[in-house]
Amino acid sequence: MFSKTIFSLLFLLAGLISIHFLKNETRDMEEKINLTSKEILLLNQSIETQTIEFSYLASPERITMLAKKYLAKDYIHIYPEIFTNEKK
């Protein structure tokens, strides 16, 4: 009878200790998940911003304007259809 009581108390004590460590480990994992989620959100916003910037910078109208402004008048385009909106 006495051994069953000691075994039960030891089992209960082991359970309480393991629950404590599991709870702390779970809390740490949740913090890591939250940090990773925030990083993913920031990276997605950065990708959206960079996509918008690229769309603006690579627009044919802007490239045509820059080509007229900065390229020499005798410059020959290898691919003229890139710089004009007109179809031949």
PDB file of N, CA and C in Angstrom:
ATOM      1  N   MET A   1       0.823  -1.195   0.000  1.00  0.00           N
ATOM      2  CA  MET A   1       0.000   0.000   0.000  1.00  0.00           C
ATOM      3  C   MET A   1       0.860   1.247   0.000  1.00  0.00           C
ATOM      4  N   PHE A   2       1.894   1.240   0.845  1.00  0.00           N
ATOM      5  CA  PHE A   2       2.787   2.389   0.932  1.00  0.00           C
ATOM      6  C   PHE A   2       3.543   2.597  -0.374  1.00  0.00           C
ATOM      7  N   SER A   3       3.932   1.535  -1.060  1.00  0.00           N
ATOM      8  CA  SER A   3       4.658   1.640  -2.321  1.00  0.00           C
ATOM      9  C   SER A   3       3.751   2.201  -3.422  1.00  0.00           C
ATOM     10  N   LYS A   4       2.472   1.829  -3.384  1.00  0.00           N
ATOM     11  CA  LYS A   4       1.540   2.371  -4.377  1.00  0.00           C
ATOM     12  C   LYS A   4       1.373   3.873  -4.191  1.00  0.00           C
ATOM     13  N   THR A   5       1.347   4.357  -2.987  1.00  0.00           N
ATOM     14  CA  THR A   5       1.204   5.782  -2.705  1.00  0.00           C
ATOM     15  C   THR A   5       2.441   6.541  -3.157  1.00  0.00           C
ATOM     16  N   ILE A   6       3.618   6.009  -2.854  1.00  0.00           N
ATOM     17  CA  ILE A   6       4.869   6.660  -3.280  1.00  0.00           C
ATOM     18  C   ILE A   6       4.958   6.671  -4.801  1.00  0.00           C
ATOM     19  N   PHE A   7       4.605   5.539  -5.432  1.00  0.00           N
ATOM     20  CA  PHE A   7       4.624   5.478  -6.896  1.00  0.00           C
ATOM     21  C   PHE A   7       3.652   6.497  -7.489  1.00  0.00           C
ATOM     22  N   SER A   8       2.487   6.622  -6.921  1.00  0.00           N
ATOM     23  CA  SER A   8       1.494   7.588  -7.409  1.00  0.00           C
ATOM     24  C   SER A   8       1.995   9.013  -7.243  1.00  0.00           C
ATOM     25  N   LEU A   9       2.605   9.319  -6.111  1.00  0.00           N
ATOM     26  CA  LEU A   9       3.145  10.669  -5.893  1.00  0.00           C
ATOM     27  C   LEU A   9       4.299  10.976  -6.842  1.00  0.00           C
ATOM     28  N   LEU A  10       5.182   9.996  -7.046  1.00  0.00           N
ATOM     29  CA  LEU A  10       6.290  10.194  -7.990  1.00  0.00           C
ATOM     30  C   LEU A  10       5.768  10.381  -9.417  1.00  0.00           C
ATOM     31  N   PHE A  11       4.777   9.593  -9.777  1.00  0.00           N
ATOM     32  CA  PHE A  11       4.181   9.723 -11.106  1.00  0.00           C
ATOM     33  C   PHE A  11       3.532  11.094 -11.274  1.00  0.00           C
ATOM     34  N   LEU A  12       2.835  11.566 -10.259  1.00  0.00           N
ATOM     35  CA  LEU A  12       2.206  12.882 -10.280  1.00  0.00           C
ATOM     36  C   LEU A  12       3.259  13.980 -10.366  1.00  0.00           C
ATOM     37  N   LEU A  13       4.323  13.837  -9.594  1.00  0.00           N
ATOM     38  CA  LEU A  13       5.406  14.824  -9.611  1.00  0.00           C
ATOM     39  C   LEU A  13       6.087  14.872 -10.975  1.00  0.00           C
ATOM     40  N   ALA A  14       6.334  13.703 -11.547  1.00  0.00           N
ATOM     41  CA  ALA A  14       6.947  13.644 -12.884  1.00  0.00           C
ATOM     42  C   ALA A  14       6.025  14.288 -13.919  1.00  0.00           C
ATOM     43  N   GLY A  15       4.727  14.057 -13.797  1.00  0.00           N
ATOM     44  CA  GLY A  15       3.766  14.667 -14.717  1.00  0.00           C
ATOM     45  C   GLY A  15       3.746  16.178 -14.599  1.00  0.00           C
ATOM     46  N   LEU A  16       3.772  16.690 -13.380  1.00  0.00           N
ATOM     47  CA  LEU A  16       3.774  18.146 -13.175  1.00  0.00           C
ATOM     48  C   LEU A  16       5.036  18.787 -13.732  1.00  0.00           C
ATOM     49  N   ILE A  17       6.178  18.143 -13.524  1.00  0.00           N
ATOM     50  CA  ILE A  17       7.438  18.685 -14.042  1.00  0.00           C
ATOM     51  C   ILE A  17       7.440  18.672 -15.569  1.00  0.00           C
ATOM     52  N   SER A  18       6.990  17.573 -16.158  1.00  0.00           N
ATOM     53  CA  SER A  18       6.971  17.501 -17.620  1.00  0.00           C
ATOM     54  C   SER A  18       5.993  18.518 -18.211  1.00  0.00           C
ATOM     55  N   ILE A  19       4.867  18.734 -17.553  1.00  0.00           N
ATOM     56  CA  ILE A  19       3.909  19.734 -18.041  1.00  0.00           C
ATOM     57  C   ILE A  19       4.532  21.127 -18.008  1.00  0.00           C
ATOM     58  N   HIS A  20       5.279  21.413 -16.969  1.00  0.00           N
ATOM     59  CA  HIS A  20       5.937  22.718 -16.852  1.00  0.00           C
ATOM     60  C   HIS A  20       6.896  22.941 -18.014  1.00  0.00           C
ATOM     61  N   PHE A  21       7.751  21.936 -18.307  1.00  0.00           N
ATOM     62  CA  PHE A  21       8.712  22.088 -19.393  1.00  0.00           C
ATOM     63  C   PHE A  21       8.023  22.147 -20.755  1.00  0.00           C
ATOM     64  N   LEU A  22       6.990  21.348 -20.952  1.00  0.00           N
ATOM     65  CA  LEU A  22       6.261  21.374 -22.219  1.00  0.00           C
ATOM     66  C   LEU A  22       5.574  22.720 -22.436  1.00  0.00           C
ATOM     67  N   LYS A  23       5.036  23.285 -21.371  1.00  0.00           N
ATOM     68  CA  LYS A  23       4.361  24.581 -21.470  1.00  0.00           C
ATOM     69  C   LYS A  23       5.357  25.666 -21.875  1.00  0.00           C
ATOM     70  N   ASN A  24       6.536  25.667 -21.258  1.00  0.00           N
ATOM     71  CA  ASN A  24       7.549  26.662 -21.619  1.00  0.00           C
ATOM     72  C   ASN A  24       8.046  26.465 -23.045  1.00  0.00           C
ATOM     73  N   GLU A  25       8.227  25.224 -23.435  1.00  0.00           N
ATOM     74  CA  GLU A  25       8.682  24.949 -24.794  1.00  0.00           C
ATOM     75  C   GLU A  25       7.628  25.371 -25.819  1.00  0.00           C
ATOM     76  N   THR A  26       6.374  25.133 -25.512  1.00  0.00           N
ATOM     77  CA  THR A  26       5.289  25.552 -26.397  1.00  0.00           C
ATOM     78  C   THR A  26       5.230  27.065 -26.517  1.00  0.00           C
ATOM     79  N   ARG A  27       5.421  27.773 -25.410  1.00  0.00           N
ATOM     80  CA  ARG A  27       5.415  29.236 -25.423  1.00  0.00           C
ATOM     81  C   ARG A  27       6.559  29.759 -26.304  1.00  0.00           C
ATOM     82  N   ASP A  28       7.746  29.152 -26.193  1.00  0.00           N
ATOM     83  CA  ASP A  28       8.876  29.567 -27.024  1.00  0.00           C
ATOM     84  C   ASP A  28       8.594  29.322 -28.504  1.00  0.00           C
ATOM     85  N   MET A  29       7.988  28.184 -28.806  1.00  0.00           N
ATOM     86  CA  MET A  29       7.653  27.889 -30.206  1.00  0.00           C
ATOM     87  C   MET A  29       6.629  28.875 -30.754  1.00  0.00           C
ATOM     88  N   GLU A  30       5.649  29.249 -29.940  1.00  0.00           N
ATOM     89  CA  GLU A  30       4.646  30.221 -30.383  1.00  0.00           C
ATOM     90  C   GLU A  30       5.289  31.574 -30.665  1.00  0.00           C
ATOM     91  N   GLU A  31       6.262  31.978 -29.849  1.00  0.00           N
ATOM     92  CA  GLU A  31       6.969  33.238 -30.097  1.00  0.00           C
ATOM     93  C   GLU A  31       7.748  33.171 -31.402  1.00  0.00           C
ATOM     94  N   LYS A  32       8.400  32.032 -31.659  1.00  0.00           N
ATOM     95  CA  LYS A  32       9.138  31.878 -32.916  1.00  0.00           C
ATOM     96  C   LYS A  32       8.190  31.913 -34.106  1.00  0.00           C
ATOM     97  N   ILE A  33       7.032  31.284 -33.969  1.00  0.00           N
ATOM     98  CA  ILE A  33       6.046  31.288 -35.051  1.00  0.00           C
ATOM     99  C   ILE A  33       5.554  32.708 -35.314  1.00  0.00           C
ATOM    100  N   ASN A  34       5.288  33.470 -34.261  1.00  0.00           N
ATOM    101  CA  ASN A  34       4.844  34.860 -34.433  1.00  0.00           C
ATOM    102  C   ASN A  34       5.909  35.707 -35.105  1.00  0.00           C
ATOM    103  N   LEU A  35       7.166  35.545 -34.700  1.00  0.00           N
ATOM    104  CA  LEU A  35       8.251  36.306 -35.334  1.00  0.00           C
ATOM    105  C   LEU A  35       8.394  35.932 -36.802  1.00  0.00           C
ATOM    106  N   THR A  36       8.305  34.649 -37.093  1.00  0.00           N
ATOM    107  CA  THR A  36       8.418  34.204 -38.479  1.00  0.00           C
ATOM    108  C   THR A  36       7.249  34.721 -39.314  1.00  0.00           C
ATOM    109  N   SER A  37       6.063  34.730 -38.738  1.00  0.00           N
ATOM    110  CA  SER A  37       4.893  35.251 -39.461  1.00  0.00           C
ATOM    111  C   SER A  37       5.062  36.743 -39.763  1.00  0.00           C
ATOM    112  N   LYS A  38       5.598  37.491 -38.808  1.00  0.00           N
ATOM    113  CA  LYS A  38       5.839  38.920 -39.039  1.00  0.00           C
ATOM    114  C   LYS A  38       6.884  39.124 -40.133  1.00  0.00           C
ATOM    115  N   GLU A  39       7.932  38.308 -40.118  1.00  0.00           N
ATOM    116  CA  GLU A  39       8.961  38.414 -41.154  1.00  0.00           C
ATOM    117  C   GLU A  39       8.375  38.102 -42.527  1.00  0.00           C
ATOM    118  N   ILE A  40       7.535  37.079 -42.604  1.00  0.00           N
ATOM    119  CA  ILE A  40       6.900  36.722 -43.878  1.00  0.00           C
ATOM    120  C   ILE A  40       6.017  37.861 -44.369  1.00  0.00           C
ATOM    121  N   LEU A  41       5.267  38.482 -43.471  1.00  0.00           N
ATOM    122  CA  LEU A  41       4.409  39.603 -43.841  1.00  0.00           C
ATOM    123  C   LEU A  41       5.245  40.767 -44.383  1.00  0.00           C
ATOM    124  N   LEU A  42       6.347  41.088 -43.702  1.00  0.00           N
ATOM    125  CA  LEU A  42       7.213  42.179 -44.168  1.00  0.00           C
ATOM    126  C   LEU A  42       7.835  41.856 -45.526  1.00  0.00           C
ATOM    127  N   LEU A  43       8.243  40.617 -45.719  1.00  0.00           N
ATOM    128  CA  LEU A  43       8.822  40.231 -47.010  1.00  0.00           C
ATOM    129  C   LEU A  43       7.785  40.283 -48.125  1.00  0.00           C
ATOM    130  N   ASN A  44       6.551  39.877 -47.835  1.00  0.00           N
ATOM    131  CA  ASN A  44       5.491  39.965 -48.847  1.00  0.00           C
ATOM    132  C   ASN A  44       5.209  41.417 -49.216  1.00  0.00           C
ATOM    133  N   GLN A  45       5.199  42.300 -48.225  1.00  0.00           N
ATOM    134  CA  GLN A  45       4.997  43.721 -48.508  1.00  0.00           C
ATOM    135  C   GLN A  45       6.152  44.266 -49.338  1.00  0.00           C
ATOM    136  N   SER A  46       7.352  43.828 -49.033  1.00  0.00           N
ATOM    137  CA  SER A  46       8.519  44.266 -49.796  1.00  0.00           C
ATOM    138  C   SER A  46       8.434  43.787 -51.245  1.00  0.00           C
ATOM    139  N   ILE A  47       7.994  42.554 -51.438  1.00  0.00           N
ATOM    140  CA  ILE A  47       7.847  42.020 -52.797  1.00  0.00           C
ATOM    141  C   ILE A  47       6.808  42.828 -53.569  1.00  0.00           C
ATOM    142  N   GLU A  48       5.699  43.162 -52.923  1.00  0.00           N
ATOM    143  CA  GLU A  48       4.660  43.957 -53.591  1.00  0.00           C
ATOM    144  C   GLU A  48       5.200  45.327 -53.994  1.00  0.00           C
ATOM    145  N   THR A  49       5.934  45.956 -53.082  1.00  0.00           N
ATOM    146  CA  THR A  49       6.508  47.268 -53.371  1.00  0.00           C
ATOM    147  C   THR A  49       7.503  47.183 -54.520  1.00  0.00           C
ATOM    148  N   GLN A  50       8.345  46.186 -54.505  1.00  0.00           N
ATOM    149  CA  GLN A  50       9.342  46.044 -55.563  1.00  0.00           C
ATOM    150  C   GLN A  50       8.696  45.713 -56.902  1.00  0.00           C
ATOM    151  N   THR A  51       7.616  44.964 -56.879  1.00  0.00           N
ATOM    152  CA  THR A  51       6.903  44.658 -58.124  1.00  0.00           C
ATOM    153  C   THR A  51       6.296  45.926 -58.712  1.00  0.00           C
ATOM    154  N   ILE A  52       5.724  46.759 -57.865  1.00  0.00           N
ATOM    155  CA  ILE A  52       5.148  48.030 -58.340  1.00  0.00           C
ATOM    156  C   ILE A  52       6.248  48.935 -58.890  1.00  0.00           C
ATOM    157  N   GLU A  53       7.369  49.021 -58.182  1.00  0.00           N
ATOM    158  CA  GLU A  53       8.482  49.851 -58.650  1.00  0.00           C
ATOM    159  C   GLU A  53       9.014  49.344 -59.983  1.00  0.00           C
ATOM    160  N   PHE A  54       9.151  48.022 -60.117  1.00  0.00           N
ATOM    161  CA  PHE A  54       9.645  47.467 -61.370  1.00  0.00           C
ATOM    162  C   PHE A  54       8.687  47.762 -62.512  1.00  0.00           C
ATOM    163  N   SER A  55       7.387  47.631 -62.237  1.00  0.00           N
ATOM    164  CA  SER A  55       6.400  47.911 -63.274  1.00  0.00           C
ATOM    165  C   SER A  55       6.512  49.354 -63.754  1.00  0.00           C
ATOM    166  N   TYR A  56       6.724  50.270 -62.837  1.00  0.00           N
ATOM    167  CA  TYR A  56       6.878  51.681 -63.203  1.00  0.00           C
ATOM    168  C   TYR A  56       8.176  51.901 -63.968  1.00  0.00           C
ATOM    169  N   LEU A  57       9.278  51.375 -63.438  1.00  0.00           N
ATOM    170  CA  LEU A  57      10.578  51.620 -64.050  1.00  0.00           C
ATOM    171  C   LEU A  57      10.717  50.956 -65.418  1.00  0.00           C
ATOM    172  N   ALA A  58      10.047  49.833 -65.622  1.00  0.00           N
ATOM    173  CA  ALA A  58      10.179  49.106 -66.879  1.00  0.00           C
ATOM    174  C   ALA A  58       9.059  49.410 -67.864  1.00  0.00           C
ATOM    175  N   SER A  59       8.231  50.390 -67.576  1.00  0.00           N
ATOM    176  CA  SER A  59       7.130  50.685 -68.498  1.00  0.00           C
ATOM    177  C   SER A  59       7.690  51.237 -69.811  1.00  0.00           C
ATOM    178  N   PRO A  60       7.125  50.820 -70.933  1.00  0.00           N
ATOM    179  CA  PRO A  60       7.631  51.267 -72.238  1.00  0.00           C
ATOM    180  C   PRO A  60       7.597  52.788 -72.402  1.00  0.00           C
ATOM    181  N   GLU A  61       6.580  53.443 -71.848  1.00  0.00           N
ATOM    182  CA  GLU A  61       6.494  54.899 -71.974  1.00  0.00           C
ATOM    183  C   GLU A  61       7.682  55.562 -71.275  1.00  0.00           C
ATOM    184  N   ARG A  62       8.026  55.084 -70.109  1.00  0.00           N
ATOM    185  CA  ARG A  62       9.141  55.662 -69.351  1.00  0.00           C
ATOM    186  C   ARG A  62      10.466  55.372 -70.044  1.00  0.00           C
ATOM    187  N   ILE A  63      10.621  54.171 -70.562  1.00  0.00           N
ATOM    188  CA  ILE A  63      11.859  53.831 -71.263  1.00  0.00           C
ATOM    189  C   ILE A  63      11.995  54.673 -72.526  1.00  0.00           C
ATOM    190  N   THR A  64      10.909  54.880 -73.235  1.00  0.00           N
ATOM    191  CA  THR A  64      10.944  55.722 -74.431  1.00  0.00           C
ATOM    192  C   THR A  64      11.340  57.147 -74.072  1.00  0.00           C
ATOM    193  N   MET A  65      10.752  57.692 -72.995  1.00  0.00           N
ATOM    194  CA  MET A  65      11.082  59.048 -72.578  1.00  0.00           C
ATOM    195  C   MET A  65      12.565  59.149 -72.205  1.00  0.00           C
ATOM    196  N   LEU A  66      13.081  58.182 -71.468  1.00  0.00           N
ATOM    197  CA  LEU A  66      14.490  58.207 -71.075  1.00  0.00           C
ATOM    198  C   LEU A  66      15.404  58.026 -72.273  1.00  0.00           C
ATOM    199  N   ALA A  67      14.997  57.191 -73.222  1.00  0.00           N
ATOM    200  CA  ALA A  67      15.806  56.992 -74.424  1.00  0.00           C
ATOM    201  C   ALA A  67      15.886  58.288 -75.226  1.00  0.00           C
ATOM    202  N   LYS A  68      14.778  58.994 -75.367  1.00  0.00           N
ATOM    203  CA  LYS A  68      14.793  60.267 -76.099  1.00  0.00           C
ATOM    204  C   LYS A  68      15.612  61.317 -75.374  1.00  0.00           C
ATOM    205  N   LYS A  69      15.588  61.262 -74.050  1.00  0.00           N
ATOM    206  CA  LYS A  69      16.277  62.275 -73.258  1.00  0.00           C
ATOM    207  C   LYS A  69      17.785  62.027 -73.191  1.00  0.00           C
ATOM    208  N   TYR A  70      18.210  60.786 -73.031  1.00  0.00           N
ATOM    209  CA  TYR A  70      19.615  60.517 -72.749  1.00  0.00           C
ATOM    210  C   TYR A  70      20.399  59.866 -73.876  1.00  0.00           C
ATOM    211  N   LEU A  71      19.742  59.251 -74.834  1.00  0.00           N
ATOM    212  CA  LEU A  71      20.480  58.609 -75.918  1.00  0.00           C
ATOM    213  C   LEU A  71      20.768  59.620 -77.023  1.00  0.00           C
ATOM    214  N   ALA A  72      21.856  59.384 -77.701  1.00  0.00           N
ATOM    215  CA  ALA A  72      22.236  60.268 -78.809  1.00  0.00           C
ATOM    216  C   ALA A  72      21.190  60.158 -79.919  1.00  0.00           C
ATOM    217  N   LYS A  73      21.096  61.228 -80.717  1.00  0.00           N
ATOM    218  CA  LYS A  73      20.089  61.259 -81.782  1.00  0.00           C
ATOM    219  C   LYS A  73      20.382  60.214 -82.860  1.00  0.00           C
ATOM    220  N   ASP A  74      21.662  59.869 -83.047  1.00  0.00           N
ATOM    221  CA  ASP A  74      22.017  58.899 -84.084  1.00  0.00           C
ATOM    222  C   ASP A  74      22.078  57.462 -83.540  1.00  0.00           C
ATOM    223  N   TYR A  75      21.531  57.251 -82.382  1.00  0.00           N
ATOM    224  CA  TYR A  75      21.500  55.921 -81.792  1.00  0.00           C
ATOM    225  C   TYR A  75      20.518  55.053 -82.560  1.00  0.00           C
ATOM    226  N   ILE A  76      20.953  53.853 -82.893  1.00  0.00           N
ATOM    227  CA  ILE A  76      20.107  52.923 -83.639  1.00  0.00           C
ATOM    228  C   ILE A  76      19.629  51.835 -82.683  1.00  0.00           C
ATOM    229  N   HIS A  77      18.318  51.671 -82.598  1.00  0.00           N
ATOM    230  CA  HIS A  77      17.744  50.651 -81.715  1.00  0.00           C
ATOM    231  C   HIS A  77      17.856  49.288 -82.380  1.00  0.00           C
ATOM    232  N   ILE A  78      18.295  48.304 -81.643  1.00  0.00           N
ATOM    233  CA  ILE A  78      18.355  46.948 -82.181  1.00  0.00           C
ATOM    234  C   ILE A  78      16.951  46.373 -82.278  1.00  0.00           C
ATOM    235  N   TYR A  79      16.133  46.634 -81.270  1.00  0.00           N
ATOM    236  CA  TYR A  79      14.763  46.163 -81.246  1.00  0.00           C
ATOM    237  C   TYR A  79      13.841  47.371 -81.150  1.00  0.00           C
ATOM    238  N   PRO A  80      13.507  47.998 -82.258  1.00  0.00           N
ATOM    239  CA  PRO A  80      12.710  49.230 -82.196  1.00  0.00           C
ATOM    240  C   PRO A  80      11.304  49.030 -81.645  1.00  0.00           C
ATOM    241  N   GLU A  81      10.754  47.819 -81.733  1.00  0.00           N
ATOM    242  CA  GLU A  81       9.390  47.621 -81.247  1.00  0.00           C
ATOM    243  C   GLU A  81       9.311  47.739 -79.727  1.00  0.00           C
ATOM    244  N   ILE A  82      10.412  47.633 -79.032  1.00  0.00           N
ATOM    245  CA  ILE A  82      10.415  47.794 -77.585  1.00  0.00           C
ATOM    246  C   ILE A  82      10.158  49.251 -77.210  1.00  0.00           C
ATOM    247  N   PHE A  83      10.673  50.165 -78.012  1.00  0.00           N
ATOM    248  CA  PHE A  83      10.627  51.571 -77.653  1.00  0.00           C
ATOM    249  C   PHE A  83       9.450  52.316 -78.245  1.00  0.00           C
ATOM    250  N   THR A  84       8.665  51.658 -79.045  1.00  0.00           N
ATOM    251  CA  THR A  84       7.502  52.342 -79.605  1.00  0.00           C
ATOM    252  C   THR A  84       6.251  51.514 -79.365  1.00  0.00           C
ATOM    253  N   ASN A  85       5.144  52.203 -79.310  1.00  0.00           N
ATOM    254  CA  ASN A  85       3.870  51.516 -79.141  1.00  0.00           C
ATOM    255  C   ASN A  85       3.199  51.225 -80.474  1.00  0.00           C
ATOM    256  N   GLU A  86       3.784  51.726 -81.537  1.00  0.00           N
ATOM    257  CA  GLU A  86       3.197  51.561 -82.868  1.00  0.00           C
ATOM    258  C   GLU A  86       3.537  50.185 -83.423  1.00  0.00           C
ATOM    259  N   LYS A  87       2.578  49.580 -84.105  1.00  0.00           N
ATOM    260  CA  LYS A  87       2.816  48.311 -84.770  1.00  0.00           C
ATOM    261  C   LYS A  87       3.197  48.568 -86.207  1.00  0.00           C
ATOM    262  N   LYS A  88       4.122  47.763 -86.706  1.00  0.00           N
ATOM    263  CA  LYS A  88       4.552  47.954 -88.099  1.00  0.00           C
ATOM    264  C   LYS A  88       3.761  47.091 -89.029  1.00  0.00           C
TER     265      LYS A  88
END
